[in-house]
């Protein structure tokens, strides 16, 4: 199970990097949706396993919580909603 969680975290990092290099709206929304799906998968993997929750606590907090403002996950969700309402970044 650790390998699957590590692979998911690595995939999230790769998607964050790809998000910096998108060139049009279609690439943007595909990467954002893939990012949301990967974050949801990460959450589901940790949901029922206490040992994994302890091991990946810092990563979980980085993605899903914020000291002030919106978390990374919230920003991804709001970006998808904003895109659906017609606000395109490009």
PDB file of N, CA and C in Angstrom:
ATOM      1  N   UNK A   1       0.820  -1.189   0.000  1.00  0.00           N
ATOM      2  CA  UNK A   1       0.000   0.000   0.000  1.00  0.00           C
ATOM      3  C   UNK A   1       0.866   1.257   0.000  1.00  0.00           C
ATOM      4  N   UNK A   2       2.017   1.210   0.662  1.00  0.00           N
ATOM      5  CA  UNK A   2       2.915   2.369   0.680  1.00  0.00           C
ATOM      6  C   UNK A   2       3.352   2.770  -0.718  1.00  0.00           C
ATOM      7  N   UNK A   3       3.622   1.777  -1.565  1.00  0.00           N
ATOM      8  CA  UNK A   3       4.055   2.075  -2.920  1.00  0.00           C
ATOM      9  C   UNK A   3       2.976   2.829  -3.679  1.00  0.00           C
ATOM     10  N   UNK A   4       1.739   2.444  -3.471  1.00  0.00           N
ATOM     11  CA  UNK A   4       0.631   3.102  -4.159  1.00  0.00           C
ATOM     12  C   UNK A   4       0.479   4.547  -3.687  1.00  0.00           C
ATOM     13  N   UNK A   5       0.637   4.791  -2.401  1.00  0.00           N
ATOM     14  CA  UNK A   5       0.544   6.145  -1.864  1.00  0.00           C
ATOM     15  C   UNK A   5       1.719   6.981  -2.366  1.00  0.00           C
ATOM     16  N   UNK A   6       2.920   6.409  -2.350  1.00  0.00           N
ATOM     17  CA  UNK A   6       4.090   7.121  -2.861  1.00  0.00           C
ATOM     18  C   UNK A   6       3.924   7.471  -4.341  1.00  0.00           C
ATOM     19  N   UNK A   7       3.394   6.528  -5.092  1.00  0.00           N
ATOM     20  CA  UNK A   7       3.168   6.758  -6.521  1.00  0.00           C
ATOM     21  C   UNK A   7       2.143   7.874  -6.736  1.00  0.00           C
ATOM     22  N   UNK A   8       1.109   7.905  -5.920  1.00  0.00           N
ATOM     23  CA  UNK A   8       0.089   8.943  -6.029  1.00  0.00           C
ATOM     24  C   UNK A   8       0.660  10.311  -5.675  1.00  0.00           C
ATOM     25  N   UNK A   9       1.460  10.390  -4.627  1.00  0.00           N
ATOM     26  CA  UNK A   9       2.092  11.655  -4.236  1.00  0.00           C
ATOM     27  C   UNK A   9       3.038  12.132  -5.335  1.00  0.00           C
ATOM     28  N   UNK A  10       3.783  11.209  -5.917  1.00  0.00           N
ATOM     29  CA  UNK A  10       4.683  11.572  -7.018  1.00  0.00           C
ATOM     30  C   UNK A  10       3.887  12.084  -8.211  1.00  0.00           C
ATOM     31  N   UNK A  11       2.769  11.439  -8.505  1.00  0.00           N
ATOM     32  CA  UNK A  11       1.918  11.862  -9.621  1.00  0.00           C
ATOM     33  C   UNK A  11       1.350  13.266  -9.371  1.00  0.00           C
ATOM     34  N   UNK A  12       0.971  13.557  -8.148  1.00  0.00           N
ATOM     35  CA  UNK A  12       0.476  14.892  -7.801  1.00  0.00           C
ATOM     36  C   UNK A  12       1.564  15.930  -8.037  1.00  0.00           C
ATOM     37  N   UNK A  13       2.775  15.618  -7.639  1.00  0.00           N
ATOM     38  CA  UNK A  13       3.894  16.544  -7.866  1.00  0.00           C
ATOM     39  C   UNK A  13       4.143  16.773  -9.353  1.00  0.00           C
ATOM     40  N   UNK A  14       4.069  15.705 -10.131  1.00  0.00           N
ATOM     41  CA  UNK A  14       4.248  15.835 -11.579  1.00  0.00           C
ATOM     42  C   UNK A  14       3.149  16.689 -12.193  1.00  0.00           C
ATOM     43  N   UNK A  15       1.921  16.511 -11.729  1.00  0.00           N
ATOM     44  CA  UNK A  15       0.812  17.318 -12.247  1.00  0.00           C
ATOM     45  C   UNK A  15       0.969  18.783 -11.865  1.00  0.00           C
ATOM     46  N   UNK A  16       1.462  19.054 -10.667  1.00  0.00           N
ATOM     47  CA  UNK A  16       1.722  20.436 -10.270  1.00  0.00           C
ATOM     48  C   UNK A  16       2.756  21.064 -11.194  1.00  0.00           C
ATOM     49  N   UNK A  17       3.774  20.293 -11.550  1.00  0.00           N
ATOM     50  CA  UNK A  17       4.795  20.791 -12.465  1.00  0.00           C
ATOM     51  C   UNK A  17       4.211  21.020 -13.856  1.00  0.00           C
ATOM     52  N   UNK A  18       3.389  20.097 -14.330  1.00  0.00           N
ATOM     53  CA  UNK A  18       2.759  20.246 -15.644  1.00  0.00           C
ATOM     54  C   UNK A  18       1.831  21.454 -15.680  1.00  0.00           C
ATOM     55  N   UNK A  19       1.213  21.763 -14.567  1.00  0.00           N
ATOM     56  CA  UNK A  19       0.316  22.914 -14.502  1.00  0.00           C
ATOM     57  C   UNK A  19       1.062  24.209 -14.788  1.00  0.00           C
ATOM     58  N   UNK A  20       2.332  24.255 -14.447  1.00  0.00           N
ATOM     59  CA  UNK A  20       3.139  25.443 -14.712  1.00  0.00           C
ATOM     60  C   UNK A  20       3.495  25.599 -16.188  1.00  0.00           C
ATOM     61  N   UNK A  21       3.292  24.555 -16.982  1.00  0.00           N
ATOM     62  CA  UNK A  21       3.714  24.575 -18.375  1.00  0.00           C
ATOM     63  C   UNK A  21       2.567  24.430 -19.373  1.00  0.00           C
ATOM     64  N   UNK A  22       1.327  24.571 -18.930  1.00  0.00           N
ATOM     65  CA  UNK A  22       0.204  24.468 -19.860  1.00  0.00           C
ATOM     66  C   UNK A  22       0.178  25.691 -20.763  1.00  0.00           C
ATOM     67  N   UNK A  23      -0.329  25.489 -21.976  1.00  0.00           N
ATOM     68  CA  UNK A  23      -0.303  26.570 -22.968  1.00  0.00           C
ATOM     69  C   UNK A  23      -1.674  26.991 -23.441  1.00  0.00           C
ATOM     70  N   UNK A  24      -2.713  26.235 -23.104  1.00  0.00           N
ATOM     71  CA  UNK A  24      -4.057  26.619 -23.529  1.00  0.00           C
ATOM     72  C   UNK A  24      -5.085  26.110 -22.526  1.00  0.00           C
ATOM     73  N   UNK A  25      -6.328  26.501 -22.732  1.00  0.00           N
ATOM     74  CA  UNK A  25      -7.396  26.164 -21.787  1.00  0.00           C
ATOM     75  C   UNK A  25      -7.644  24.666 -21.681  1.00  0.00           C
ATOM     76  N   UNK A  26      -7.569  23.959 -22.796  1.00  0.00           N
ATOM     77  CA  UNK A  26      -7.818  22.521 -22.774  1.00  0.00           C
ATOM     78  C   UNK A  26      -6.770  21.794 -21.925  1.00  0.00           C
ATOM     79  N   UNK A  27      -5.503  22.127 -22.104  1.00  0.00           N
ATOM     80  CA  UNK A  27      -4.449  21.528 -21.288  1.00  0.00           C
ATOM     81  C   UNK A  27      -4.660  21.873 -19.815  1.00  0.00           C
ATOM     82  N   UNK A  28      -5.022  23.113 -19.549  1.00  0.00           N
ATOM     83  CA  UNK A  28      -5.233  23.567 -18.171  1.00  0.00           C
ATOM     84  C   UNK A  28      -6.315  22.747 -17.471  1.00  0.00           C
ATOM     85  N   UNK A  29      -7.480  22.622 -18.083  1.00  0.00           N
ATOM     86  CA  UNK A  29      -8.586  21.935 -17.404  1.00  0.00           C
ATOM     87  C   UNK A  29      -8.289  20.440 -17.265  1.00  0.00           C
ATOM     88  N   UNK A  30      -7.608  19.846 -18.222  1.00  0.00           N
ATOM     89  CA  UNK A  30      -7.272  18.423 -18.105  1.00  0.00           C
ATOM     90  C   UNK A  30      -6.314  18.180 -16.942  1.00  0.00           C
ATOM     91  N   UNK A  31      -5.328  19.046 -16.795  1.00  0.00           N
ATOM     92  CA  UNK A  31      -4.365  18.881 -15.701  1.00  0.00           C
ATOM     93  C   UNK A  31      -5.037  19.142 -14.356  1.00  0.00           C
ATOM     94  N   UNK A  32      -5.886  20.172 -14.288  1.00  0.00           N
ATOM     95  CA  UNK A  32      -6.586  20.478 -13.029  1.00  0.00           C
ATOM     96  C   UNK A  32      -7.507  19.329 -12.626  1.00  0.00           C
ATOM     97  N   UNK A  33      -8.232  18.764 -13.578  1.00  0.00           N
ATOM     98  CA  UNK A  33      -9.120  17.645 -13.257  1.00  0.00           C
ATOM     99  C   UNK A  33      -8.329  16.405 -12.848  1.00  0.00           C
ATOM    100  N   UNK A  34      -7.218  16.147 -13.507  1.00  0.00           N
ATOM    101  CA  UNK A  34      -6.364  15.018 -13.120  1.00  0.00           C
ATOM    102  C   UNK A  34      -5.785  15.243 -11.722  1.00  0.00           C
ATOM    103  N   UNK A  35      -5.463  16.493 -11.414  1.00  0.00           N
ATOM    104  CA  UNK A  35      -4.944  16.830 -10.089  1.00  0.00           C
ATOM    105  C   UNK A  35      -5.996  16.572  -9.014  1.00  0.00           C
ATOM    106  N   UNK A  36      -7.233  16.967  -9.283  1.00  0.00           N
ATOM    107  CA  UNK A  36      -8.313  16.721  -8.318  1.00  0.00           C
ATOM    108  C   UNK A  36      -8.535  15.219  -8.130  1.00  0.00           C
ATOM    109  N   UNK A  37      -8.536  14.477  -9.220  1.00  0.00           N
ATOM    110  CA  UNK A  37      -8.718  13.024  -9.123  1.00  0.00           C
ATOM    111  C   UNK A  37      -7.592  12.378  -8.310  1.00  0.00           C
ATOM    112  N   UNK A  38      -6.375  12.831  -8.510  1.00  0.00           N
ATOM    113  CA  UNK A  38      -5.242  12.272  -7.759  1.00  0.00           C
ATOM    114  C   UNK A  38      -5.309  12.649  -6.283  1.00  0.00           C
ATOM    115  N   UNK A  39      -5.725  13.867  -5.994  1.00  0.00           N
ATOM    116  CA  UNK A  39      -5.881  14.269  -4.590  1.00  0.00           C
ATOM    117  C   UNK A  39      -6.990  13.462  -3.919  1.00  0.00           C
ATOM    118  N   UNK A  40      -8.080  13.209  -4.644  1.00  0.00           N
ATOM    119  CA  UNK A  40      -9.150  12.369  -4.107  1.00  0.00           C
ATOM    120  C   UNK A  40      -8.666  10.945  -3.864  1.00  0.00           C
ATOM    121  N   UNK A  41      -7.851  10.431  -4.776  1.00  0.00           N
ATOM    122  CA  UNK A  41      -7.298   9.082  -4.614  1.00  0.00           C
ATOM    123  C   UNK A  41      -6.386   9.024  -3.387  1.00  0.00           C
ATOM    124  N   UNK A  42      -5.555  10.052  -3.223  1.00  0.00           N
ATOM    125  CA  UNK A  42      -4.670  10.126  -2.059  1.00  0.00           C
ATOM    126  C   UNK A  42      -5.491  10.110  -0.768  1.00  0.00           C
ATOM    127  N   UNK A  43      -6.553  10.887  -0.732  1.00  0.00           N
ATOM    128  CA  UNK A  43      -7.432  10.924   0.441  1.00  0.00           C
ATOM    129  C   UNK A  43      -8.044   9.545   0.698  1.00  0.00           C
ATOM    130  N   UNK A  44      -8.522   8.900  -0.354  1.00  0.00           N
ATOM    131  CA  UNK A  44      -9.151   7.588  -0.197  1.00  0.00           C
ATOM    132  C   UNK A  44      -8.162   6.532   0.293  1.00  0.00           C
ATOM    133  N   UNK A  45      -6.917   6.605  -0.177  1.00  0.00           N
ATOM    134  CA  UNK A  45      -5.913   5.639   0.264  1.00  0.00           C
ATOM    135  C   UNK A  45      -5.619   5.772   1.756  1.00  0.00           C
ATOM    136  N   UNK A  46      -5.654   6.996   2.262  1.00  0.00           N
ATOM    137  CA  UNK A  46      -5.340   7.214   3.675  1.00  0.00           C
ATOM    138  C   UNK A  46      -6.556   7.100   4.586  1.00  0.00           C
ATOM    139  N   UNK A  47      -7.718   7.064   4.019  1.00  0.00           N
ATOM    140  CA  UNK A  47      -8.955   7.167   4.782  1.00  0.00           C
ATOM    141  C   UNK A  47      -9.115   6.096   5.861  1.00  0.00           C
ATOM    142  N   UNK A  48      -8.781   4.863   5.582  1.00  0.00           N
ATOM    143  CA  UNK A  48      -9.070   3.771   6.518  1.00  0.00           C
ATOM    144  C   UNK A  48      -7.836   3.165   7.185  1.00  0.00           C
ATOM    145  N   UNK A  49      -6.666   3.709   6.938  1.00  0.00           N
ATOM    146  CA  UNK A  49      -5.445   3.105   7.464  1.00  0.00           C
ATOM    147  C   UNK A  49      -4.727   4.078   8.408  1.00  0.00           C
ATOM    148  N   UNK A  50      -4.772   3.794   9.693  1.00  0.00           N
ATOM    149  CA  UNK A  50      -4.176   4.670  10.706  1.00  0.00           C
ATOM    150  C   UNK A  50      -2.662   4.801  10.540  1.00  0.00           C
ATOM    151  N   UNK A  51      -1.991   3.698  10.186  1.00  0.00           N
ATOM    152  CA  UNK A  51      -0.538   3.755  10.022  1.00  0.00           C
ATOM    153  C   UNK A  51      -0.136   4.662   8.868  1.00  0.00           C
ATOM    154  N   UNK A  52      -0.850   4.553   7.756  1.00  0.00           N
ATOM    155  CA  UNK A  52      -0.561   5.426   6.618  1.00  0.00           C
ATOM    156  C   UNK A  52      -0.888   6.883   6.949  1.00  0.00           C
ATOM    157  N   UNK A  53      -1.933   7.086   7.732  1.00  0.00           N
ATOM    158  CA  UNK A  53      -2.287   8.456   8.123  1.00  0.00           C
ATOM    159  C   UNK A  53      -1.160   9.094   8.926  1.00  0.00           C
ATOM    160  N   UNK A  54      -0.568   8.345   9.830  1.00  0.00           N
ATOM    161  CA  UNK A  54       0.545   8.874  10.620  1.00  0.00           C
ATOM    162  C   UNK A  54       1.772   9.137   9.747  1.00  0.00           C
ATOM    163  N   UNK A  55       2.036   8.215   8.841  1.00  0.00           N
ATOM    164  CA  UNK A  55       3.228   8.322   8.004  1.00  0.00           C
ATOM    165  C   UNK A  55       3.142   9.497   7.020  1.00  0.00           C
ATOM    166  N   UNK A  56       1.957   9.749   6.484  1.00  0.00           N
ATOM    167  CA  UNK A  56       1.785  10.788   5.467  1.00  0.00           C
ATOM    168  C   UNK A  56       1.043  12.013   6.002  1.00  0.00           C
ATOM    169  N   UNK A  57       1.098  12.216   7.292  1.00  0.00           N
ATOM    170  CA  UNK A  57       0.375  13.323   7.914  1.00  0.00           C
ATOM    171  C   UNK A  57       0.822  14.683   7.375  1.00  0.00           C
ATOM    172  N   UNK A  58       2.109  14.894   7.240  1.00  0.00           N
ATOM    173  CA  UNK A  58       2.620  16.185   6.759  1.00  0.00           C
ATOM    174  C   UNK A  58       2.169  16.450   5.321  1.00  0.00           C
ATOM    175  N   UNK A  59       2.219  15.428   4.494  1.00  0.00           N
ATOM    176  CA  UNK A  59       1.783  15.586   3.106  1.00  0.00           C
ATOM    177  C   UNK A  59       0.292  15.849   3.044  1.00  0.00           C
ATOM    178  N   UNK A  60      -0.464  15.132   3.832  1.00  0.00           N
ATOM    179  CA  UNK A  60      -1.918  15.329   3.884  1.00  0.00           C
ATOM    180  C   UNK A  60      -2.251  16.759   4.310  1.00  0.00           C
ATOM    181  N   UNK A  61      -1.597  17.234   5.341  1.00  0.00           N
ATOM    182  CA  UNK A  61      -1.854  18.593   5.818  1.00  0.00           C
ATOM    183  C   UNK A  61      -1.484  19.626   4.761  1.00  0.00           C
ATOM    184  N   UNK A  62      -0.404  19.385   4.032  1.00  0.00           N
ATOM    185  CA  UNK A  62       0.029  20.318   2.992  1.00  0.00           C
ATOM    186  C   UNK A  62      -1.023  20.436   1.886  1.00  0.00           C
ATOM    187  N   UNK A  63      -1.677  19.334   1.544  1.00  0.00           N
ATOM    188  CA  UNK A  63      -2.656  19.358   0.462  1.00  0.00           C
ATOM    189  C   UNK A  63      -4.051  19.791   0.902  1.00  0.00           C
ATOM    190  N   UNK A  64      -4.461  19.423   2.103  1.00  0.00           N
ATOM    191  CA  UNK A  64      -5.862  19.593   2.474  1.00  0.00           C
ATOM    192  C   UNK A  64      -6.138  20.635   3.558  1.00  0.00           C
ATOM    193  N   UNK A  65      -5.116  21.212   4.153  1.00  0.00           N
ATOM    194  CA  UNK A  65      -5.334  22.207   5.198  1.00  0.00           C
ATOM    195  C   UNK A  65      -4.488  23.437   4.938  1.00  0.00           C
ATOM    196  N   UNK A  66      -4.944  24.554   5.484  1.00  0.00           N
ATOM    197  CA  UNK A  66      -4.218  25.807   5.338  1.00  0.00           C
ATOM    198  C   UNK A  66      -4.359  26.593   6.626  1.00  0.00           C
ATOM    199  N   UNK A  67      -3.301  27.268   7.018  1.00  0.00           N
ATOM    200  CA  UNK A  67      -3.355  28.092   8.231  1.00  0.00           C
ATOM    201  C   UNK A  67      -4.253  29.307   8.008  1.00  0.00           C
ATOM    202  N   UNK A  68      -4.282  29.802   6.808  1.00  0.00           N
ATOM    203  CA  UNK A  68      -5.147  30.924   6.472  1.00  0.00           C
ATOM    204  C   UNK A  68      -5.482  30.876   4.999  1.00  0.00           C
ATOM    205  N   UNK A  69      -6.686  31.187   4.651  1.00  0.00           N
ATOM    206  CA  UNK A  69      -7.079  31.135   3.246  1.00  0.00           C
ATOM    207  C   UNK A  69      -7.522  29.747   2.838  1.00  0.00           C
ATOM    208  N   UNK A  70      -7.294  29.431   1.581  1.00  0.00           N
ATOM    209  CA  UNK A  70      -7.746  28.165   1.019  1.00  0.00           C
ATOM    210  C   UNK A  70      -6.609  27.148   0.959  1.00  0.00           C
ATOM    211  N   UNK A  71      -6.957  25.895   1.161  1.00  0.00           N
ATOM    212  CA  UNK A  71      -5.965  24.828   1.007  1.00  0.00           C
ATOM    213  C   UNK A  71      -5.709  24.589  -0.482  1.00  0.00           C
ATOM    214  N   UNK A  72      -4.691  23.804  -0.773  1.00  0.00           N
ATOM    215  CA  UNK A  72      -4.366  23.463  -2.157  1.00  0.00           C
ATOM    216  C   UNK A  72      -5.554  22.755  -2.810  1.00  0.00           C
ATOM    217  N   UNK A  73      -6.170  21.828  -2.093  1.00  0.00           N
ATOM    218  CA  UNK A  73      -7.318  21.092  -2.615  1.00  0.00           C
ATOM    219  C   UNK A  73      -8.476  22.046  -2.908  1.00  0.00           C
ATOM    220  N   UNK A  74      -8.741  22.974  -2.019  1.00  0.00           N
ATOM    221  CA  UNK A  74      -9.809  23.946  -2.239  1.00  0.00           C
ATOM    222  C   UNK A  74      -9.549  24.795  -3.478  1.00  0.00           C
ATOM    223  N   UNK A  75      -8.307  25.213  -3.664  1.00  0.00           N
ATOM    224  CA  UNK A  75      -7.967  26.029  -4.836  1.00  0.00           C
ATOM    225  C   UNK A  75      -8.167  25.245  -6.125  1.00  0.00           C
ATOM    226  N   UNK A  76      -7.828  23.960  -6.113  1.00  0.00           N
ATOM    227  CA  UNK A  76      -8.042  23.122  -7.293  1.00  0.00           C
ATOM    228  C   UNK A  76      -9.539  23.007  -7.583  1.00  0.00           C
ATOM    229  N   UNK A  77     -10.333  22.745  -6.564  1.00  0.00           N
ATOM    230  CA  UNK A  77     -11.789  22.620  -6.752  1.00  0.00           C
ATOM    231  C   UNK A  77     -12.396  23.931  -7.244  1.00  0.00           C
ATOM    232  N   UNK A  78     -11.978  25.036  -6.677  1.00  0.00           N
ATOM    233  CA  UNK A  78     -12.497  26.335  -7.105  1.00  0.00           C
ATOM    234  C   UNK A  78     -12.042  26.689  -8.515  1.00  0.00           C
ATOM    235  N   UNK A  79     -10.865  26.248  -8.910  1.00  0.00           N
ATOM    236  CA  UNK A  79     -10.407  26.480 -10.275  1.00  0.00           C
ATOM    237  C   UNK A  79     -11.288  25.736 -11.276  1.00  0.00           C
ATOM    238  N   UNK A  80     -11.680  24.514 -10.934  1.00  0.00           N
ATOM    239  CA  UNK A  80     -12.568  23.741 -11.802  1.00  0.00           C
ATOM    240  C   UNK A  80     -13.927  24.422 -11.894  1.00  0.00           C
ATOM    241  N   UNK A  81     -14.460  24.844 -10.769  1.00  0.00           N
ATOM    242  CA  UNK A  81     -15.754  25.542 -10.784  1.00  0.00           C
ATOM    243  C   UNK A  81     -15.672  26.850 -11.563  1.00  0.00           C
ATOM    244  N   UNK A  82     -14.618  27.595 -11.367  1.00  0.00           N
ATOM    245  CA  UNK A  82     -14.432  28.864 -12.067  1.00  0.00           C
ATOM    246  C   UNK A  82     -14.365  28.625 -13.574  1.00  0.00           C
ATOM    247  N   UNK A  83     -13.690  27.577 -13.985  1.00  0.00           N
ATOM    248  CA  UNK A  83     -13.589  27.228 -15.397  1.00  0.00           C
ATOM    249  C   UNK A  83     -14.961  26.870 -15.959  1.00  0.00           C
ATOM    250  N   UNK A  84     -15.739  26.124 -15.196  1.00  0.00           N
ATOM    251  CA  UNK A  84     -17.081  25.736 -15.652  1.00  0.00           C
ATOM    252  C   UNK A  84     -18.022  26.940 -15.773  1.00  0.00           C
ATOM    253  N   UNK A  85     -17.788  27.965 -14.971  1.00  0.00           N
ATOM    254  CA  UNK A  85     -18.611  29.170 -15.048  1.00  0.00           C
ATOM    255  C   UNK A  85     -18.147  30.116 -16.142  1.00  0.00           C
ATOM    256  N   UNK A  86     -17.141  29.726 -16.895  1.00  0.00           N
ATOM    257  CA  UNK A  86     -16.747  30.507 -18.063  1.00  0.00           C
ATOM    258  C   UNK A  86     -15.517  31.361 -17.909  1.00  0.00           C
ATOM    259  N   UNK A  87     -14.901  31.382 -16.759  1.00  0.00           N
ATOM    260  CA  UNK A  87     -13.671  32.154 -16.569  1.00  0.00           C
ATOM    261  C   UNK A  87     -12.481  31.308 -16.997  1.00  0.00           C
ATOM    262  N   UNK A  88     -11.954  31.611 -18.146  1.00  0.00           N
ATOM    263  CA  UNK A  88     -10.849  30.846 -18.707  1.00  0.00           C
ATOM    264  C   UNK A  88      -9.531  31.573 -18.452  1.00  0.00           C
ATOM    265  N   UNK A  89      -8.489  30.843 -18.071  1.00  0.00           N
ATOM    266  CA  UNK A  89      -7.204  31.491 -17.758  1.00  0.00           C
ATOM    267  C   UNK A  89      -6.429  31.950 -18.988  1.00  0.00           C
ATOM    268  N   UNK A  90      -6.753  31.405 -20.178  1.00  0.00           N
ATOM    269  CA  UNK A  90      -5.990  31.766 -21.370  1.00  0.00           C
ATOM    270  C   UNK A  90      -6.907  32.451 -22.366  1.00  0.00           C
TER     271      UNK A  90
END
